PDB file of N, CA and C in Angstrom:
ATOM      1  N   MET A   1      11.316   8.533 -49.153  1.00  0.00           N
ATOM      2  CA  MET A   1      11.482   9.953 -48.941  1.00  0.00           C
ATOM      3  C   MET A   1      11.475  10.291 -47.451  1.00  0.00           C
ATOM      4  N   LEU A   2      10.751   9.520 -46.664  1.00  0.00           N
ATOM      5  CA  LEU A   2      10.738   9.747 -45.234  1.00  0.00           C
ATOM      6  C   LEU A   2      12.110   9.503 -44.629  1.00  0.00           C
ATOM      7  N   MET A   3      12.826   8.546 -45.170  1.00  0.00           N
ATOM      8  CA  MET A   3      14.172   8.280 -44.669  1.00  0.00           C
ATOM      9  C   MET A   3      15.076   9.491 -44.865  1.00  0.00           C
ATOM     10  N   ILE A   4      14.850  10.229 -45.938  1.00  0.00           N
ATOM     11  CA  ILE A   4      15.610  11.463 -46.155  1.00  0.00           C
ATOM     12  C   ILE A   4      15.319  12.442 -45.038  1.00  0.00           C
ATOM     13  N   LEU A   5      14.041  12.547 -44.667  1.00  0.00           N
ATOM     14  CA  LEU A   5      13.636  13.452 -43.604  1.00  0.00           C
ATOM     15  C   LEU A   5      14.255  13.045 -42.277  1.00  0.00           C
ATOM     16  N   VAL A   6      14.315  11.764 -42.011  1.00  0.00           N
ATOM     17  CA  VAL A   6      14.911  11.282 -40.768  1.00  0.00           C
ATOM     18  C   VAL A   6      16.408  11.546 -40.771  1.00  0.00           C
ATOM     19  N   ASP A   7      17.060  11.351 -41.904  1.00  0.00           N
ATOM     20  CA  ASP A   7      18.497  11.589 -41.982  1.00  0.00           C
ATOM     21  C   ASP A   7      18.850  13.066 -41.823  1.00  0.00           C
ATOM     22  N   ILE A   8      18.010  13.931 -42.358  1.00  0.00           N
ATOM     23  CA  ILE A   8      18.292  15.365 -42.278  1.00  0.00           C
ATOM     24  C   ILE A   8      18.168  15.854 -40.847  1.00  0.00           C
ATOM     25  N   GLY A   9      17.179  15.368 -40.140  1.00  0.00           N
ATOM     26  CA  GLY A   9      16.975  15.768 -38.759  1.00  0.00           C
ATOM     27  C   GLY A   9      15.832  16.744 -38.614  1.00  0.00           C
ATOM     28  N   VAL A  10      15.494  17.028 -37.387  1.00  0.00           N
ATOM     29  CA  VAL A  10      14.324  17.843 -37.092  1.00  0.00           C
ATOM     30  C   VAL A  10      14.523  19.303 -37.492  1.00  0.00           C
ATOM     31  N   GLN A  11      15.719  19.820 -37.402  1.00  0.00           N
ATOM     32  CA  GLN A  11      15.941  21.235 -37.685  1.00  0.00           C
ATOM     33  C   GLN A  11      15.646  21.580 -39.137  1.00  0.00           C
ATOM     34  N   ASP A  12      16.032  20.740 -40.063  1.00  0.00           N
ATOM     35  CA  ASP A  12      15.858  21.038 -41.474  1.00  0.00           C
ATOM     36  C   ASP A  12      14.621  20.394 -42.082  1.00  0.00           C
ATOM     37  N   SER A  13      13.846  19.691 -41.307  1.00  0.00           N
ATOM     38  CA  SER A  13      12.701  18.958 -41.851  1.00  0.00           C
ATOM     39  C   SER A  13      11.607  19.880 -42.360  1.00  0.00           C
ATOM     40  N   SER A  14      11.514  21.091 -41.851  1.00  0.00           N
ATOM     41  CA  SER A  14      10.453  22.005 -42.281  1.00  0.00           C
ATOM     42  C   SER A  14      10.565  22.365 -43.762  1.00  0.00           C
ATOM     43  N   ASN A  15      11.757  22.237 -44.334  1.00  0.00           N
ATOM     44  CA  ASN A  15      11.935  22.542 -45.755  1.00  0.00           C
ATOM     45  C   ASN A  15      11.262  21.515 -46.654  1.00  0.00           C
ATOM     46  N   TYR A  16      11.023  20.308 -46.162  1.00  0.00           N
ATOM     47  CA  TYR A  16      10.516  19.210 -46.980  1.00  0.00           C
ATOM     48  C   TYR A  16       9.102  18.759 -46.614  1.00  0.00           C
ATOM     49  N   VAL A  17       8.507  19.391 -45.630  1.00  0.00           N
ATOM     50  CA  VAL A  17       7.195  18.958 -45.155  1.00  0.00           C
ATOM     51  C   VAL A  17       6.149  19.058 -46.256  1.00  0.00           C
ATOM     52  N   CYS A  18       6.147  20.118 -47.005  1.00  0.00           N
ATOM     53  CA  CYS A  18       5.164  20.295 -48.073  1.00  0.00           C
ATOM     54  C   CYS A  18       5.286  19.182 -49.110  1.00  0.00           C
ATOM     55  N   ASP A  19       6.511  18.830 -49.459  1.00  0.00           N
ATOM     56  CA  ASP A  19       6.740  17.783 -50.449  1.00  0.00           C
ATOM     57  C   ASP A  19       6.312  16.410 -49.949  1.00  0.00           C
ATOM     58  N   LEU A  20       6.273  16.224 -48.646  1.00  0.00           N
ATOM     59  CA  LEU A  20       5.898  14.935 -48.082  1.00  0.00           C
ATOM     60  C   LEU A  20       4.413  14.835 -47.746  1.00  0.00           C
ATOM     61  N   VAL A  21       3.836  15.905 -47.239  1.00  0.00           N
ATOM     62  CA  VAL A  21       2.462  15.850 -46.747  1.00  0.00           C
ATOM     63  C   VAL A  21       1.444  15.859 -47.887  1.00  0.00           C
ATOM     64  N   LYS A  22       1.649  16.666 -48.900  1.00  0.00           N
ATOM     65  CA  LYS A  22       0.667  16.788 -49.996  1.00  0.00           C
ATOM     66  C   LYS A  22       0.355  15.448 -50.672  1.00  0.00           C
ATOM     67  N   PRO A  23       1.347  14.646 -51.067  1.00  0.00           N
ATOM     68  CA  PRO A  23       1.011  13.351 -51.681  1.00  0.00           C
ATOM     69  C   PRO A  23       0.290  12.400 -50.722  1.00  0.00           C
ATOM     70  N   VAL A  24       0.632  12.467 -49.446  1.00  0.00           N
ATOM     71  CA  VAL A  24      -0.025  11.607 -48.468  1.00  0.00           C
ATOM     72  C   VAL A  24      -1.493  12.007 -48.324  1.00  0.00           C
ATOM     73  N   LEU A  25      -1.767  13.298 -48.341  1.00  0.00           N
ATOM     74  CA  LEU A  25      -3.150  13.761 -48.228  1.00  0.00           C
ATOM     75  C   LEU A  25      -3.992  13.309 -49.412  1.00  0.00           C
ATOM     76  N   THR A  26      -3.415  13.266 -50.595  1.00  0.00           N
ATOM     77  CA  THR A  26      -4.180  12.795 -51.751  1.00  0.00           C
ATOM     78  C   THR A  26      -4.473  11.301 -51.646  1.00  0.00           C
ATOM     79  N   CYS A  27      -3.620  10.562 -50.968  1.00  0.00           N
ATOM     80  CA  CYS A  27      -3.860   9.122 -50.793  1.00  0.00           C
ATOM     81  C   CYS A  27      -5.011   8.841 -49.832  1.00  0.00           C
ATOM     82  N   PHE A  28      -5.395   9.813 -49.016  1.00  0.00           N
ATOM     83  CA  PHE A  28      -6.538   9.631 -48.114  1.00  0.00           C
ATOM     84  C   PHE A  28      -7.831   9.394 -48.885  1.00  0.00           C
ATOM     85  N   PHE A  29      -7.907   9.855 -50.109  1.00  0.00           N
ATOM     86  CA  PHE A  29      -9.143   9.770 -50.891  1.00  0.00           C
ATOM     87  C   PHE A  29      -9.114   8.643 -51.916  1.00  0.00           C
ATOM     88  N   ASP A  30      -8.149   7.741 -51.800  1.00  0.00           N
ATOM     89  CA  ASP A  30      -8.059   6.598 -52.707  1.00  0.00           C
ATOM     90  C   ASP A  30      -9.172   5.604 -52.384  1.00  0.00           C
ATOM     91  N   SER A  31      -9.601   4.862 -53.380  1.00  0.00           N
ATOM     92  CA  SER A  31     -10.679   3.905 -53.161  1.00  0.00           C
ATOM     93  C   SER A  31     -10.216   2.638 -52.447  1.00  0.00           C
ATOM     94  N   ASP A  32      -8.939   2.330 -52.500  1.00  0.00           N
ATOM     95  CA  ASP A  32      -8.402   1.135 -51.854  1.00  0.00           C
ATOM     96  C   ASP A  32      -8.137   1.413 -50.371  1.00  0.00           C
ATOM     97  N   SER A  33      -8.677   0.596 -49.514  1.00  0.00           N
ATOM     98  CA  SER A  33      -8.520   0.807 -48.078  1.00  0.00           C
ATOM     99  C   SER A  33      -7.072   0.629 -47.617  1.00  0.00           C
ATOM    100  N   ARG A  34      -6.317  -0.222 -48.302  1.00  0.00           N
ATOM    101  CA  ARG A  34      -4.906  -0.402 -47.926  1.00  0.00           C
ATOM    102  C   ARG A  34      -4.103   0.860 -48.194  1.00  0.00           C
ATOM    103  N   VAL A  35      -4.402   1.559 -49.279  1.00  0.00           N
ATOM    104  CA  VAL A  35      -3.707   2.816 -49.586  1.00  0.00           C
ATOM    105  C   VAL A  35      -4.026   3.847 -48.517  1.00  0.00           C
ATOM    106  N   ARG A  36      -5.288   3.927 -48.109  1.00  0.00           N
ATOM    107  CA  ARG A  36      -5.675   4.879 -47.056  1.00  0.00           C
ATOM    108  C   ARG A  36      -4.996   4.535 -45.733  1.00  0.00           C
ATOM    109  N   TYR A  37      -4.896   3.248 -45.429  1.00  0.00           N
ATOM    110  CA  TYR A  37      -4.233   2.816 -44.195  1.00  0.00           C
ATOM    111  C   TYR A  37      -2.756   3.222 -44.196  1.00  0.00           C
ATOM    112  N   TYR A  38      -2.065   2.933 -45.294  1.00  0.00           N
ATOM    113  CA  TYR A  38      -0.647   3.283 -45.367  1.00  0.00           C
ATOM    114  C   TYR A  38      -0.437   4.792 -45.416  1.00  0.00           C
ATOM    115  N   ALA A  39      -1.407   5.529 -45.940  1.00  0.00           N
ATOM    116  CA  ALA A  39      -1.317   6.992 -45.921  1.00  0.00           C
ATOM    117  C   ALA A  39      -1.390   7.502 -44.486  1.00  0.00           C
ATOM    118  N   CYS A  40      -2.276   6.925 -43.685  1.00  0.00           N
ATOM    119  CA  CYS A  40      -2.363   7.318 -42.271  1.00  0.00           C
ATOM    120  C   CYS A  40      -1.072   6.988 -41.532  1.00  0.00           C
ATOM    121  N   GLU A  41      -0.535   5.824 -41.809  1.00  0.00           N
ATOM    122  CA  GLU A  41       0.715   5.425 -41.168  1.00  0.00           C
ATOM    123  C   GLU A  41       1.871   6.333 -41.589  1.00  0.00           C
ATOM    124  N   SER A  42       1.913   6.680 -42.860  1.00  0.00           N
ATOM    125  CA  SER A  42       2.966   7.575 -43.359  1.00  0.00           C
ATOM    126  C   SER A  42       2.856   8.956 -42.748  1.00  0.00           C
ATOM    127  N   LEU A  43       1.622   9.450 -42.650  1.00  0.00           N
ATOM    128  CA  LEU A  43       1.428  10.770 -42.051  1.00  0.00           C
ATOM    129  C   LEU A  43       1.866  10.764 -40.599  1.00  0.00           C
ATOM    130  N   TYR A  44       1.581   9.698 -39.883  1.00  0.00           N
ATOM    131  CA  TYR A  44       2.025   9.581 -38.494  1.00  0.00           C
ATOM    132  C   TYR A  44       3.551   9.684 -38.410  1.00  0.00           C
ATOM    133  N   ASN A  45       4.244   8.983 -39.276  1.00  0.00           N
ATOM    134  CA  ASN A  45       5.712   9.017 -39.258  1.00  0.00           C
ATOM    135  C   ASN A  45       6.253  10.385 -39.643  1.00  0.00           C
ATOM    136  N   ILE A  46       5.614  11.044 -40.582  1.00  0.00           N
ATOM    137  CA  ILE A  46       6.048  12.394 -40.974  1.00  0.00           C
ATOM    138  C   ILE A  46       5.871  13.357 -39.814  1.00  0.00           C
ATOM    139  N   VAL A  47       4.714  13.300 -39.156  1.00  0.00           N
ATOM    140  CA  VAL A  47       4.441  14.206 -38.038  1.00  0.00           C
ATOM    141  C   VAL A  47       5.375  13.917 -36.874  1.00  0.00           C
ATOM    142  N   LYS A  48       5.709  12.651 -36.681  1.00  0.00           N
ATOM    143  CA  LYS A  48       6.611  12.278 -35.594  1.00  0.00           C
ATOM    144  C   LYS A  48       7.973  12.932 -35.757  1.00  0.00           C
ATOM    145  N   VAL A  49       8.425  13.074 -36.993  1.00  0.00           N
ATOM    146  CA  VAL A  49       9.746  13.668 -37.239  1.00  0.00           C
ATOM    147  C   VAL A  49       9.652  15.185 -37.361  1.00  0.00           C
ATOM    148  N   ALA A  50       8.675  15.677 -38.116  1.00  0.00           N
ATOM    149  CA  ALA A  50       8.611  17.105 -38.421  1.00  0.00           C
ATOM    150  C   ALA A  50       7.942  17.930 -37.324  1.00  0.00           C
ATOM    151  N   ARG A  51       7.119  17.318 -36.526  1.00  0.00           N
ATOM    152  CA  ARG A  51       6.412  17.934 -35.396  1.00  0.00           C
ATOM    153  C   ARG A  51       5.668  19.200 -35.777  1.00  0.00           C
ATOM    154  N   GLY A  52       6.047  20.343 -35.263  1.00  0.00           N
ATOM    155  CA  GLY A  52       5.306  21.589 -35.440  1.00  0.00           C
ATOM    156  C   GLY A  52       5.246  22.107 -36.863  1.00  0.00           C
ATOM    157  N   SER A  53       6.124  21.653 -37.709  1.00  0.00           N
ATOM    158  CA  SER A  53       6.129  22.120 -39.099  1.00  0.00           C
ATOM    159  C   SER A  53       4.888  21.669 -39.860  1.00  0.00           C
ATOM    160  N   VAL A  54       4.226  20.642 -39.370  1.00  0.00           N
ATOM    161  CA  VAL A  54       3.046  20.100 -40.046  1.00  0.00           C
ATOM    162  C   VAL A  54       1.789  20.888 -39.693  1.00  0.00           C
ATOM    163  N   LEU A  55       1.857  21.732 -38.675  1.00  0.00           N
ATOM    164  CA  LEU A  55       0.676  22.492 -38.254  1.00  0.00           C
ATOM    165  C   LEU A  55       0.120  23.387 -39.355  1.00  0.00           C
ATOM    166  N   VAL A  56       0.928  23.733 -40.326  1.00  0.00           N
ATOM    167  CA  VAL A  56       0.453  24.529 -41.461  1.00  0.00           C
ATOM    168  C   VAL A  56      -0.642  23.773 -42.212  1.00  0.00           C
ATOM    169  N   PHE A  57      -0.573  22.459 -42.200  1.00  0.00           N
ATOM    170  CA  PHE A  57      -1.525  21.608 -42.913  1.00  0.00           C
ATOM    171  C   PHE A  57      -2.609  21.049 -41.999  1.00  0.00           C
ATOM    172  N   PHE A  58      -2.792  21.640 -40.824  1.00  0.00           N
ATOM    173  CA  PHE A  58      -3.720  21.072 -39.839  1.00  0.00           C
ATOM    174  C   PHE A  58      -5.131  20.908 -40.399  1.00  0.00           C
ATOM    175  N   ASN A  59      -5.662  21.924 -41.064  1.00  0.00           N
ATOM    176  CA  ASN A  59      -7.026  21.845 -41.598  1.00  0.00           C
ATOM    177  C   ASN A  59      -7.149  20.723 -42.631  1.00  0.00           C
ATOM    178  N   ASP A  60      -6.180  20.620 -43.517  1.00  0.00           N
ATOM    179  CA  ASP A  60      -6.213  19.577 -44.543  1.00  0.00           C
ATOM    180  C   ASP A  60      -6.075  18.183 -43.931  1.00  0.00           C
ATOM    181  N   VAL A  61      -5.198  18.049 -42.946  1.00  0.00           N
ATOM    182  CA  VAL A  61      -4.990  16.763 -42.287  1.00  0.00           C
ATOM    183  C   VAL A  61      -6.248  16.356 -41.526  1.00  0.00           C
ATOM    184  N   PHE A  62      -6.841  17.294 -40.798  1.00  0.00           N
ATOM    185  CA  PHE A  62      -8.054  16.985 -40.051  1.00  0.00           C
ATOM    186  C   PHE A  62      -9.189  16.591 -40.984  1.00  0.00           C
ATOM    187  N   ASP A  63      -9.341  17.312 -42.078  1.00  0.00           N
ATOM    188  CA  ASP A  63     -10.375  16.998 -43.058  1.00  0.00           C
ATOM    189  C   ASP A  63     -10.151  15.613 -43.660  1.00  0.00           C
ATOM    190  N   GLY A  64      -8.925  15.317 -44.041  1.00  0.00           N
ATOM    191  CA  GLY A  64      -8.612  14.021 -44.629  1.00  0.00           C
ATOM    192  C   GLY A  64      -8.831  12.873 -43.661  1.00  0.00           C
ATOM    193  N   LEU A  65      -8.389  13.036 -42.418  1.00  0.00           N
ATOM    194  CA  LEU A  65      -8.556  11.967 -41.431  1.00  0.00           C
ATOM    195  C   LEU A  65     -10.025  11.739 -41.092  1.00  0.00           C
ATOM    196  N   SER A  66     -10.801  12.818 -41.031  1.00  0.00           N
ATOM    197  CA  SER A  66     -12.226  12.643 -40.737  1.00  0.00           C
ATOM    198  C   SER A  66     -12.942  11.931 -41.886  1.00  0.00           C
ATOM    199  N   LYS A  67     -12.538  12.183 -43.118  1.00  0.00           N
ATOM    200  CA  LYS A  67     -13.154  11.495 -44.257  1.00  0.00           C
ATOM    201  C   LYS A  67     -12.730  10.035 -44.320  1.00  0.00           C
ATOM    202  N   VAL A  68     -11.494   9.740 -43.946  1.00  0.00           N
ATOM    203  CA  VAL A  68     -11.055   8.344 -43.882  1.00  0.00           C
ATOM    204  C   VAL A  68     -11.869   7.613 -42.819  1.00  0.00           C
ATOM    205  N   ARG A  69     -12.066   8.243 -41.698  1.00  0.00           N
ATOM    206  CA  ARG A  69     -12.853   7.635 -40.611  1.00  0.00           C
ATOM    207  C   ARG A  69     -14.298   7.422 -41.049  1.00  0.00           C
ATOM    208  N   ALA A  70     -14.868   8.391 -41.749  1.00  0.00           N
ATOM    209  CA  ALA A  70     -16.245   8.257 -42.227  1.00  0.00           C
ATOM    210  C   ALA A  70     -16.375   7.094 -43.210  1.00  0.00           C
ATOM    211  N   LYS A  71     -15.377   6.924 -44.081  1.00  0.00           N
ATOM    212  CA  LYS A  71     -15.415   5.800 -45.026  1.00  0.00           C
ATOM    213  C   LYS A  71     -15.341   4.478 -44.283  1.00  0.00           C
ATOM    214  N   CYS A  72     -14.565   4.416 -43.207  1.00  0.00           N
ATOM    215  CA  CYS A  72     -14.468   3.177 -42.417  1.00  0.00           C
ATOM    216  C   CYS A  72     -15.806   2.859 -41.757  1.00  0.00           C
ATOM    217  N   LEU A  73     -16.458   3.876 -41.192  1.00  0.00           N
ATOM    218  CA  LEU A  73     -17.746   3.655 -40.541  1.00  0.00           C
ATOM    219  C   LEU A  73     -18.809   3.266 -41.559  1.00  0.00           C
ATOM    220  N   PHE A  74     -18.780   3.882 -42.737  1.00  0.00           N
ATOM    221  CA  PHE A  74     -19.747   3.576 -43.774  1.00  0.00           C
ATOM    222  C   PHE A  74     -19.572   2.146 -44.287  1.00  0.00           C
ATOM    223  N   ALA A  75     -18.328   1.681 -44.335  1.00  0.00           N
ATOM    224  CA  ALA A  75     -18.053   0.333 -44.807  1.00  0.00           C
ATOM    225  C   ALA A  75     -18.554  -0.716 -43.812  1.00  0.00           C
ATOM    226  N   LEU A  76     -18.635  -0.366 -42.538  1.00  0.00           N
ATOM    227  CA  LEU A  76     -19.107  -1.307 -41.522  1.00  0.00           C
ATOM    228  C   LEU A  76     -20.620  -1.473 -41.546  1.00  0.00           C
ATOM    229  N   LEU A  77     -21.320  -0.481 -42.077  1.00  0.00           N
ATOM    230  CA  LEU A  77     -22.793  -0.553 -42.085  1.00  0.00           C
ATOM    231  C   LEU A  77     -23.303  -1.403 -43.156  1.00  0.00           C
TER     232      LEU A  77
END
């Protein structure tokens, strides 16, 4: 689906940001660390293309990333 966003271009990407970001945010809370890792990588690629259109989800993204980080720190202890 990200390839669709790249093909469409930056101007039209704001129409699809919701469809791309919401599933990635739910993957932040998966129990498998590989799923969380790929969710972070996917979100990075989405933000790289969509840029300012993702700011609508800033609170959700920040919350999700902080919880992923907390799980990583907890796993190290």
